[in-house]
PDB file of N, CA and C in Angstrom:
ATOM      1  N   MET A   1     -11.555  -4.389   6.995  1.00  0.00           N
ATOM      2  CA  MET A   1     -10.128  -4.345   7.208  1.00  0.00           C
ATOM      3  C   MET A   1      -9.825  -3.351   8.307  1.00  0.00           C
ATOM      4  N   ALA A   2      -8.883  -3.674   9.147  1.00  0.00           N
ATOM      5  CA  ALA A   2      -8.461  -2.762  10.196  1.00  0.00           C
ATOM      6  C   ALA A   2      -7.835  -1.533   9.563  1.00  0.00           C
ATOM      7  N   ASN A   3      -7.890  -0.432  10.258  1.00  0.00           N
ATOM      8  CA  ASN A   3      -7.319   0.799   9.739  1.00  0.00           C
ATOM      9  C   ASN A   3      -5.809   0.768   9.933  1.00  0.00           C
ATOM     10  N   ILE A   4      -5.120   0.201   8.963  1.00  0.00           N
ATOM     11  CA  ILE A   4      -3.674   0.079   9.038  1.00  0.00           C
ATOM     12  C   ILE A   4      -3.067   1.184   8.198  1.00  0.00           C
ATOM     13  N   ILE A   5      -2.247   2.001   8.809  1.00  0.00           N
ATOM     14  CA  ILE A   5      -1.564   3.070   8.097  1.00  0.00           C
ATOM     15  C   ILE A   5      -0.091   2.713   8.082  1.00  0.00           C
ATOM     16  N   GLY A   6       0.535   2.854   6.947  1.00  0.00           N
ATOM     17  CA  GLY A   6       1.928   2.453   6.784  1.00  0.00           C
ATOM     18  C   GLY A   6       2.857   3.090   7.788  1.00  0.00           C
ATOM     19  N   PRO A   7       3.987   2.434   8.061  1.00  0.00           N
ATOM     20  CA  PRO A   7       4.929   2.903   9.057  1.00  0.00           C
ATOM     21  C   PRO A   7       5.458   4.302   8.783  1.00  0.00           C
ATOM     22  N   ALA A   8       5.477   4.720   7.523  1.00  0.00           N
ATOM     23  CA  ALA A   8       5.968   6.059   7.216  1.00  0.00           C
ATOM     24  C   ALA A   8       5.053   7.130   7.799  1.00  0.00           C
ATOM     25  N   PHE A   9       3.829   6.772   8.098  1.00  0.00           N
ATOM     26  CA  PHE A   9       2.875   7.753   8.576  1.00  0.00           C
ATOM     27  C   PHE A   9       2.594   7.640  10.074  1.00  0.00           C
ATOM     28  N   ASN A  10       2.614   6.433  10.637  1.00  0.00           N
ATOM     29  CA  ASN A  10       2.219   6.277  12.034  1.00  0.00           C
ATOM     30  C   ASN A  10       2.696   4.932  12.567  1.00  0.00           C
ATOM     31  N   VAL A  11       3.881   4.900  13.135  1.00  0.00           N
ATOM     32  CA  VAL A  11       4.439   3.641  13.621  1.00  0.00           C
ATOM     33  C   VAL A  11       3.786   3.211  14.928  1.00  0.00           C
ATOM     34  N   SER A  12       3.545   4.140  15.828  1.00  0.00           N
ATOM     35  CA  SER A  12       3.059   3.774  17.155  1.00  0.00           C
ATOM     36  C   SER A  12       1.583   3.401  17.179  1.00  0.00           C
ATOM     37  N   GLY A  13       0.818   3.740  16.144  1.00  0.00           N
ATOM     38  CA  GLY A  13      -0.615   3.488  16.153  1.00  0.00           C
ATOM     39  C   GLY A  13      -1.011   2.088  15.728  1.00  0.00           C
ATOM     40  N   ILE A  14      -0.059   1.245  15.377  1.00  0.00           N
ATOM     41  CA  ILE A  14      -0.377  -0.093  14.893  1.00  0.00           C
ATOM     42  C   ILE A  14      -0.152  -1.100  16.008  1.00  0.00           C
ATOM     43  N   ASN A  15      -1.183  -1.875  16.324  1.00  0.00           N
ATOM     44  CA  ASN A  15      -1.049  -2.939  17.306  1.00  0.00           C
ATOM     45  C   ASN A  15      -0.982  -4.254  16.546  1.00  0.00           C
ATOM     46  N   TYR A  16       0.225  -4.770  16.395  1.00  0.00           N
ATOM     47  CA  TYR A  16       0.427  -5.956  15.574  1.00  0.00           C
ATOM     48  C   TYR A  16      -0.138  -7.225  16.205  1.00  0.00           C
ATOM     49  N   ASN A  17      -0.426  -7.213  17.495  1.00  0.00           N
ATOM     50  CA  ASN A  17      -0.970  -8.400  18.153  1.00  0.00           C
ATOM     51  C   ASN A  17      -2.442  -8.624  17.821  1.00  0.00           C
ATOM     52  N   GLU A  18      -3.138  -7.586  17.373  1.00  0.00           N
ATOM     53  CA  GLU A  18      -4.569  -7.696  17.109  1.00  0.00           C
ATOM     54  C   GLU A  18      -4.899  -7.790  15.622  1.00  0.00           C
ATOM     55  N   ILE A  19      -3.896  -7.887  14.775  1.00  0.00           N
ATOM     56  CA  ILE A  19      -4.131  -7.965  13.333  1.00  0.00           C
ATOM     57  C   ILE A  19      -4.303  -9.419  12.934  1.00  0.00           C
ATOM     58  N   GLY A  20      -5.403  -9.712  12.234  1.00  0.00           N
ATOM     59  CA  GLY A  20      -5.648 -11.065  11.753  1.00  0.00           C
ATOM     60  C   GLY A  20      -4.886 -11.332  10.464  1.00  0.00           C
ATOM     61  N   VAL A  21      -4.938 -12.568  10.018  1.00  0.00           N
ATOM     62  CA  VAL A  21      -4.225 -12.972   8.806  1.00  0.00           C
ATOM     63  C   VAL A  21      -4.744 -12.192   7.598  1.00  0.00           C
ATOM     64  N   ARG A  22      -6.060 -12.044   7.476  1.00  0.00           N
ATOM     65  CA  ARG A  22      -6.630 -11.328   6.325  1.00  0.00           C
ATOM     66  C   ARG A  22      -6.190  -9.863   6.330  1.00  0.00           C
ATOM     67  N   ASP A  23      -6.262  -9.203   7.484  1.00  0.00           N
ATOM     68  CA  ASP A  23      -5.855  -7.797   7.559  1.00  0.00           C
ATOM     69  C   ASP A  23      -4.374  -7.631   7.234  1.00  0.00           C
ATOM     70  N   ALA A  24      -3.556  -8.526   7.759  1.00  0.00           N
ATOM     71  CA  ALA A  24      -2.120  -8.462   7.480  1.00  0.00           C
ATOM     72  C   ALA A  24      -1.844  -8.707   6.001  1.00  0.00           C
ATOM     73  N   THR A  25      -2.574  -9.630   5.396  1.00  0.00           N
ATOM     74  CA  THR A  25      -2.398  -9.921   3.972  1.00  0.00           C
ATOM     75  C   THR A  25      -2.826  -8.733   3.121  1.00  0.00           C
ATOM     76  N   GLU A  26      -3.954  -8.108   3.466  1.00  0.00           N
ATOM     77  CA  GLU A  26      -4.396  -6.929   2.726  1.00  0.00           C
ATOM     78  C   GLU A  26      -3.380  -5.801   2.846  1.00  0.00           C
ATOM     79  N   ALA A  27      -2.819  -5.616   4.035  1.00  0.00           N
ATOM     80  CA  ALA A  27      -1.794  -4.586   4.221  1.00  0.00           C
ATOM     81  C   ALA A  27      -0.553  -4.899   3.397  1.00  0.00           C
ATOM     82  N   PHE A  28      -0.176  -6.174   3.343  1.00  0.00           N
ATOM     83  CA  PHE A  28       0.991  -6.613   2.569  1.00  0.00           C
ATOM     84  C   PHE A  28       0.786  -6.348   1.077  1.00  0.00           C
ATOM     85  N   VAL A  29      -0.365  -6.751   0.546  1.00  0.00           N
ATOM     86  CA  VAL A  29      -0.659  -6.557  -0.880  1.00  0.00           C
ATOM     87  C   VAL A  29      -0.752  -5.061  -1.196  1.00  0.00           C
ATOM     88  N   SER A  30      -1.387  -4.292  -0.322  1.00  0.00           N
ATOM     89  CA  SER A  30      -1.486  -2.844  -0.528  1.00  0.00           C
ATOM     90  C   SER A  30      -0.112  -2.197  -0.558  1.00  0.00           C
ATOM     91  N   ASP A  31       0.762  -2.626   0.343  1.00  0.00           N
ATOM     92  CA  ASP A  31       2.113  -2.068   0.403  1.00  0.00           C
ATOM     93  C   ASP A  31       2.879  -2.355  -0.884  1.00  0.00           C
ATOM     94  N   ILE A  32       2.739  -3.565  -1.394  1.00  0.00           N
ATOM     95  CA  ILE A  32       3.424  -3.923  -2.644  1.00  0.00           C
ATOM     96  C   ILE A  32       2.934  -3.037  -3.793  1.00  0.00           C
ATOM     97  N   PHE A  33       1.618  -2.873  -3.915  1.00  0.00           N
ATOM     98  CA  PHE A  33       1.094  -2.073  -5.020  1.00  0.00           C
ATOM     99  C   PHE A  33       1.405  -0.591  -4.852  1.00  0.00           C
ATOM    100  N   ALA A  34       1.459  -0.091  -3.618  1.00  0.00           N
ATOM    101  CA  ALA A  34       1.861   1.299  -3.399  1.00  0.00           C
ATOM    102  C   ALA A  34       3.308   1.505  -3.837  1.00  0.00           C
ATOM    103  N   LYS A  35       4.179   0.543  -3.533  1.00  0.00           N
ATOM    104  CA  LYS A  35       5.578   0.641  -3.960  1.00  0.00           C
ATOM    105  C   LYS A  35       5.693   0.599  -5.482  1.00  0.00           C
ATOM    106  N   ILE A  36       4.885  -0.223  -6.125  1.00  0.00           N
ATOM    107  CA  ILE A  36       4.887  -0.280  -7.596  1.00  0.00           C
ATOM    108  C   ILE A  36       4.451   1.065  -8.175  1.00  0.00           C
ATOM    109  N   LEU A  37       3.376   1.642  -7.639  1.00  0.00           N
ATOM    110  CA  LEU A  37       2.894   2.930  -8.139  1.00  0.00           C
ATOM    111  C   LEU A  37       3.920   4.034  -7.909  1.00  0.00           C
ATOM    112  N   ASN A  38       4.550   4.036  -6.724  1.00  0.00           N
ATOM    113  CA  ASN A  38       5.554   5.053  -6.426  1.00  0.00           C
ATOM    114  C   ASN A  38       6.774   4.912  -7.325  1.00  0.00           C
ATOM    115  N   SER A  39       7.219   3.697  -7.566  1.00  0.00           N
ATOM    116  CA  SER A  39       8.391   3.511  -8.426  1.00  0.00           C
ATOM    117  C   SER A  39       8.062   3.859  -9.878  1.00  0.00           C
ATOM    118  N   ALA A  40       6.820   3.646 -10.297  1.00  0.00           N
ATOM    119  CA  ALA A  40       6.424   4.028 -11.654  1.00  0.00           C
ATOM    120  C   ALA A  40       6.463   5.540 -11.823  1.00  0.00           C
ATOM    121  N   GLN A  41       6.062   6.275 -10.790  1.00  0.00           N
ATOM    122  CA  GLN A  41       6.092   7.737 -10.879  1.00  0.00           C
ATOM    123  C   GLN A  41       7.512   8.280 -10.882  1.00  0.00           C
ATOM    124  N   ASP A  42       8.460   7.534 -10.336  1.00  0.00           N
ATOM    125  CA  ASP A  42       9.856   7.967 -10.342  1.00  0.00           C
ATOM    126  C   ASP A  42      10.541   7.692 -11.675  1.00  0.00           C
ATOM    127  N   ASP A  43       9.862   7.014 -12.580  1.00  0.00           N
ATOM    128  CA  ASP A  43      10.439   6.684 -13.882  1.00  0.00           C
ATOM    129  C   ASP A  43      10.607   7.952 -14.723  1.00  0.00           C
ATOM    130  N   ASP A  44      11.641   7.974 -15.547  1.00  0.00           N
ATOM    131  CA  ASP A  44      11.911   9.136 -16.399  1.00  0.00           C
ATOM    132  C   ASP A  44      10.763   9.448 -17.351  1.00  0.00           C
ATOM    133  N   LEU A  45       9.997   8.453 -17.722  1.00  0.00           N
ATOM    134  CA  LEU A  45       8.865   8.663 -18.621  1.00  0.00           C
ATOM    135  C   LEU A  45       7.871   9.675 -18.043  1.00  0.00           C
ATOM    136  N   PHE A  46       7.671   9.644 -16.715  1.00  0.00           N
ATOM    137  CA  PHE A  46       6.737  10.561 -16.072  1.00  0.00           C
ATOM    138  C   PHE A  46       7.371  11.911 -15.767  1.00  0.00           C
ATOM    139  N   LYS A  47       8.694  11.972 -15.648  1.00  0.00           N
ATOM    140  CA  LYS A  47       9.371  13.209 -15.268  1.00  0.00           C
ATOM    141  C   LYS A  47       9.815  14.040 -16.470  1.00  0.00           C
ATOM    142  N   LYS A  48       9.751  13.497 -17.649  1.00  0.00           N
ATOM    143  CA  LYS A  48      10.358  14.106 -18.833  1.00  0.00           C
ATOM    144  C   LYS A  48       9.858  15.514 -19.135  1.00  0.00           C
ATOM    145  N   ASP A  49       8.576  15.736 -19.138  1.00  0.00           N
ATOM    146  CA  ASP A  49       8.019  16.993 -19.629  1.00  0.00           C
ATOM    147  C   ASP A  49       7.595  17.961 -18.526  1.00  0.00           C
ATOM    148  N   LYS A  50       8.181  17.879 -17.357  1.00  0.00           N
ATOM    149  CA  LYS A  50       7.818  18.797 -16.281  1.00  0.00           C
ATOM    150  C   LYS A  50       8.621  20.089 -16.406  1.00  0.00           C
ATOM    151  N   LEU A  51       7.921  21.219 -16.409  1.00  0.00           N
ATOM    152  CA  LEU A  51       8.599  22.509 -16.469  1.00  0.00           C
ATOM    153  C   LEU A  51       9.135  22.918 -15.107  1.00  0.00           C
ATOM    154  N   ILE A  52       8.388  22.578 -14.070  1.00  0.00           N
ATOM    155  CA  ILE A  52       8.783  22.934 -12.703  1.00  0.00           C
ATOM    156  C   ILE A  52       9.132  21.650 -11.969  1.00  0.00           C
ATOM    157  N   PRO A  53      10.303  21.601 -11.326  1.00  0.00           N
ATOM    158  CA  PRO A  53      10.665  20.381 -10.595  1.00  0.00           C
ATOM    159  C   PRO A  53       9.675  20.097  -9.459  1.00  0.00           C
ATOM    160  N   GLU A  54       9.501  18.834  -9.177  1.00  0.00           N
ATOM    161  CA  GLU A  54       8.575  18.404  -8.127  1.00  0.00           C
ATOM    162  C   GLU A  54       9.161  18.714  -6.750  1.00  0.00           C
ATOM    163  N   SER A  55       8.356  19.313  -5.884  1.00  0.00           N
ATOM    164  CA  SER A  55       8.803  19.604  -4.521  1.00  0.00           C
ATOM    165  C   SER A  55       8.687  18.350  -3.659  1.00  0.00           C
ATOM    166  N   ASN A  56       9.327  18.379  -2.502  1.00  0.00           N
ATOM    167  CA  ASN A  56       9.235  17.246  -1.574  1.00  0.00           C
ATOM    168  C   ASN A  56       7.801  17.039  -1.100  1.00  0.00           C
ATOM    169  N   ALA A  57       7.083  18.135  -0.875  1.00  0.00           N
ATOM    170  CA  ALA A  57       5.689  18.023  -0.415  1.00  0.00           C
ATOM    171  C   ALA A  57       4.815  17.382  -1.491  1.00  0.00           C
ATOM    172  N   GLU A  58       5.035  17.783  -2.743  1.00  0.00           N
ATOM    173  CA  GLU A  58       4.257  17.202  -3.842  1.00  0.00           C
ATOM    174  C   GLU A  58       4.547  15.711  -3.978  1.00  0.00           C
ATOM    175  N   LYS A  59       5.811  15.337  -3.845  1.00  0.00           N
ATOM    176  CA  LYS A  59       6.179  13.922  -3.922  1.00  0.00           C
ATOM    177  C   LYS A  59       5.537  13.143  -2.772  1.00  0.00           C
ATOM    178  N   TRP A  60       5.542  13.700  -1.561  1.00  0.00           N
ATOM    179  CA  TRP A  60       4.953  13.030  -0.402  1.00  0.00           C
ATOM    180  C   TRP A  60       3.450  12.845  -0.597  1.00  0.00           C
ATOM    181  N   ILE A  61       2.776  13.890  -1.092  1.00  0.00           N
ATOM    182  CA  ILE A  61       1.330  13.797  -1.324  1.00  0.00           C
ATOM    183  C   ILE A  61       1.021  12.720  -2.357  1.00  0.00           C
ATOM    184  N   LYS A  62       1.796  12.667  -3.442  1.00  0.00           N
ATOM    185  CA  LYS A  62       1.571  11.640  -4.466  1.00  0.00           C
ATOM    186  C   LYS A  62       1.778  10.243  -3.893  1.00  0.00           C
ATOM    187  N   GLU A  63       2.805  10.077  -3.047  1.00  0.00           N
ATOM    188  CA  GLU A  63       3.035   8.771  -2.420  1.00  0.00           C
ATOM    189  C   GLU A  63       1.884   8.410  -1.495  1.00  0.00           C
ATOM    190  N   TRP A  64       1.369   9.375  -0.754  1.00  0.00           N
ATOM    191  CA  TRP A  64       0.242   9.134   0.142  1.00  0.00           C
ATOM    192  C   TRP A  64      -1.003   8.742  -0.657  1.00  0.00           C
ATOM    193  N   ILE A  65      -1.240   9.433  -1.769  1.00  0.00           N
ATOM    194  CA  ILE A  65      -2.376   9.089  -2.631  1.00  0.00           C
ATOM    195  C   ILE A  65      -2.214   7.675  -3.174  1.00  0.00           C
ATOM    196  N   ASN A  66      -0.991   7.302  -3.548  1.00  0.00           N
ATOM    197  CA  ASN A  66      -0.741   5.944  -4.040  1.00  0.00           C
ATOM    198  C   ASN A  66      -1.019   4.902  -2.967  1.00  0.00           C
ATOM    199  N   VAL A  67      -0.684   5.200  -1.716  1.00  0.00           N
ATOM    200  CA  VAL A  67      -0.968   4.271  -0.612  1.00  0.00           C
ATOM    201  C   VAL A  67      -2.474   4.090  -0.464  1.00  0.00           C
ATOM    202  N   GLU A  68      -3.220   5.183  -0.494  1.00  0.00           N
ATOM    203  CA  GLU A  68      -4.676   5.098  -0.370  1.00  0.00           C
ATOM    204  C   GLU A  68      -5.291   4.371  -1.566  1.00  0.00           C
ATOM    205  N   TYR A  69      -4.787   4.659  -2.762  1.00  0.00           N
ATOM    206  CA  TYR A  69      -5.287   3.981  -3.958  1.00  0.00           C
ATOM    207  C   TYR A  69      -4.999   2.483  -3.880  1.00  0.00           C
ATOM    208  N   ALA A  70      -3.813   2.124  -3.416  1.00  0.00           N
ATOM    209  CA  ALA A  70      -3.458   0.709  -3.286  1.00  0.00           C
ATOM    210  C   ALA A  70      -4.351   0.018  -2.261  1.00  0.00           C
ATOM    211  N   ASN A  71      -4.698   0.711  -1.168  1.00  0.00           N
ATOM    212  CA  ASN A  71      -5.615   0.132  -0.178  1.00  0.00           C
ATOM    213  C   ASN A  71      -6.981  -0.146  -0.803  1.00  0.00           C
ATOM    214  N   LEU A  72      -7.514   0.818  -1.547  1.00  0.00           N
ATOM    215  CA  LEU A  72      -8.808   0.615  -2.211  1.00  0.00           C
ATOM    216  C   LEU A  72      -8.729  -0.477  -3.266  1.00  0.00           C
ATOM    217  N   LEU A  73      -7.657  -0.492  -4.019  1.00  0.00           N
ATOM    218  CA  LEU A  73      -7.460  -1.513  -5.042  1.00  0.00           C
ATOM    219  C   LEU A  73      -7.444  -2.900  -4.416  1.00  0.00           C
ATOM    220  N   THR A  74      -6.768  -3.035  -3.289  1.00  0.00           N
ATOM    221  CA  THR A  74      -6.686  -4.326  -2.604  1.00  0.00           C
ATOM    222  C   THR A  74      -8.056  -4.768  -2.101  1.00  0.00           C
ATOM    223  N   GLN A  75      -8.807  -3.843  -1.525  1.00  0.00           N
ATOM    224  CA  GLN A  75     -10.117  -4.188  -0.970  1.00  0.00           C
ATOM    225  C   GLN A  75     -11.155  -4.480  -2.046  1.00  0.00           C
ATOM    226  N   GLN A  76     -11.053  -3.830  -3.210  1.00  0.00           N
ATOM    227  CA  GLN A  76     -12.101  -3.955  -4.219  1.00  0.00           C
ATOM    228  C   GLN A  76     -11.751  -4.909  -5.352  1.00  0.00           C
ATOM    229  N   SER A  77     -10.536  -4.841  -5.869  1.00  0.00           N
ATOM    230  CA  SER A  77     -10.209  -5.585  -7.088  1.00  0.00           C
ATOM    231  C   SER A  77      -9.253  -6.747  -6.886  1.00  0.00           C
ATOM    232  N   LEU A  78      -8.550  -6.750  -5.791  1.00  0.00           N
ATOM    233  CA  LEU A  78      -7.527  -7.782  -5.598  1.00  0.00           C
ATOM    234  C   LEU A  78      -7.917  -8.823  -4.558  1.00  0.00           C
ATOM    235  N   LYS A  79      -9.218  -8.991  -4.331  1.00  0.00           N
ATOM    236  CA  LYS A  79      -9.668  -9.997  -3.360  1.00  0.00           C
ATOM    237  C   LYS A  79      -9.213 -11.405  -3.720  1.00  0.00           C
ATOM    238  N   PRO A  80      -9.210 -11.803  -5.010  1.00  0.00           N
ATOM    239  CA  PRO A  80      -8.716 -13.156  -5.323  1.00  0.00           C
ATOM    240  C   PRO A  80      -7.257 -13.369  -4.908  1.00  0.00           C
ATOM    241  N   LEU A  81      -6.420 -12.355  -5.095  1.00  0.00           N
ATOM    242  CA  LEU A  81      -5.021 -12.472  -4.673  1.00  0.00           C
ATOM    243  C   LEU A  81      -4.917 -12.566  -3.157  1.00  0.00           C
ATOM    244  N   VAL A  82      -5.672 -11.724  -2.453  1.00  0.00           N
ATOM    245  CA  VAL A  82      -5.676 -11.763  -0.986  1.00  0.00           C
ATOM    246  C   VAL A  82      -6.163 -13.120  -0.500  1.00  0.00           C
ATOM    247  N   ASN A  83      -7.243 -13.634  -1.093  1.00  0.00           N
ATOM    248  CA  ASN A  83      -7.770 -14.945  -0.691  1.00  0.00           C
ATOM    249  C   ASN A  83      -6.758 -16.060  -0.936  1.00  0.00           C
ATOM    250  N   GLN A  84      -6.054 -15.985  -2.050  1.00  0.00           N
ATOM    251  CA  GLN A  84      -5.055 -17.012  -2.348  1.00  0.00           C
ATOM    252  C   GLN A  84      -3.922 -16.989  -1.321  1.00  0.00           C
ATOM    253  N   ILE A  85      -3.487 -15.805  -0.928  1.00  0.00           N
ATOM    254  CA  ILE A  85      -2.424 -15.704   0.083  1.00  0.00           C
ATOM    255  C   ILE A  85      -2.927 -16.194   1.429  1.00  0.00           C
ATOM    256  N   VAL A  86      -4.146 -15.785   1.819  1.00  0.00           N
ATOM    257  CA  VAL A  86      -4.715 -16.222   3.102  1.00  0.00           C
ATOM    258  C   VAL A  86      -4.865 -17.735   3.129  1.00  0.00           C
ATOM    259  N   ASN A  87      -5.325 -18.327   2.033  1.00  0.00           N
ATOM    260  CA  ASN A  87      -5.515 -19.782   1.982  1.00  0.00           C
ATOM    261  C   ASN A  87      -4.205 -20.555   1.995  1.00  0.00           C
ATOM    262  N   SER A  88      -3.103 -19.889   1.695  1.00  0.00           N
ATOM    263  CA  SER A  88      -1.814 -20.582   1.719  1.00  0.00           C
ATOM    264  C   SER A  88      -1.281 -20.769   3.143  1.00  0.00           C
ATOM    265  N   PHE A  89      -1.856 -20.041   4.117  1.00  0.00           N
ATOM    266  CA  PHE A  89      -1.456 -20.211   5.511  1.00  0.00           C
ATOM    267  C   PHE A  89      -2.141 -21.436   6.099  1.00  0.00           C
ATOM    268  N   PRO A  90      -1.471 -22.127   7.018  1.00  0.00           N
ATOM    269  CA  PRO A  90      -2.147 -23.254   7.679  1.00  0.00           C
ATOM    270  C   PRO A  90      -3.296 -22.738   8.544  1.00  0.00           C
ATOM    271  N   PRO A  91      -4.315 -23.560   8.763  1.00  0.00           N
ATOM    272  CA  PRO A  91      -5.452 -23.119   9.587  1.00  0.00           C
ATOM    273  C   PRO A  91      -5.000 -22.775  11.006  1.00  0.00           C
ATOM    274  N   GLU A  92      -5.660 -21.762  11.578  1.00  0.00           N
ATOM    275  CA  GLU A  92      -5.333 -21.371  12.955  1.00  0.00           C
ATOM    276  C   GLU A  92      -5.858 -22.410  13.923  1.00  0.00           C
ATOM    277  N   ARG A  93      -5.162 -22.558  15.009  1.00  0.00           N
ATOM    278  CA  ARG A  93      -5.582 -23.535  16.028  1.00  0.00           C
ATOM    279  C   ARG A  93      -6.425 -22.894  17.072  1.00  0.00           C
TER     280      ARG A  93
END
């Protein structure tokens, strides 16, 4: 997979003309799972028992870790989902 880093981290470093369907699909699936993980951490269930409020830096680091975890999850465990999405595209000419 190409080294795709989300727009929140590096907008200018992504060359969208050189990304293949598989790389774009992996980035798409990773982004979805990172958003799911981030929204789960924002749930009151996770915030209930904190004695010290979370700082902006701590929140950013957790979101970054979720992005990296989602990338690994996509590459290792979600290949069937990625393959199904890739196969839904018409063949390239």
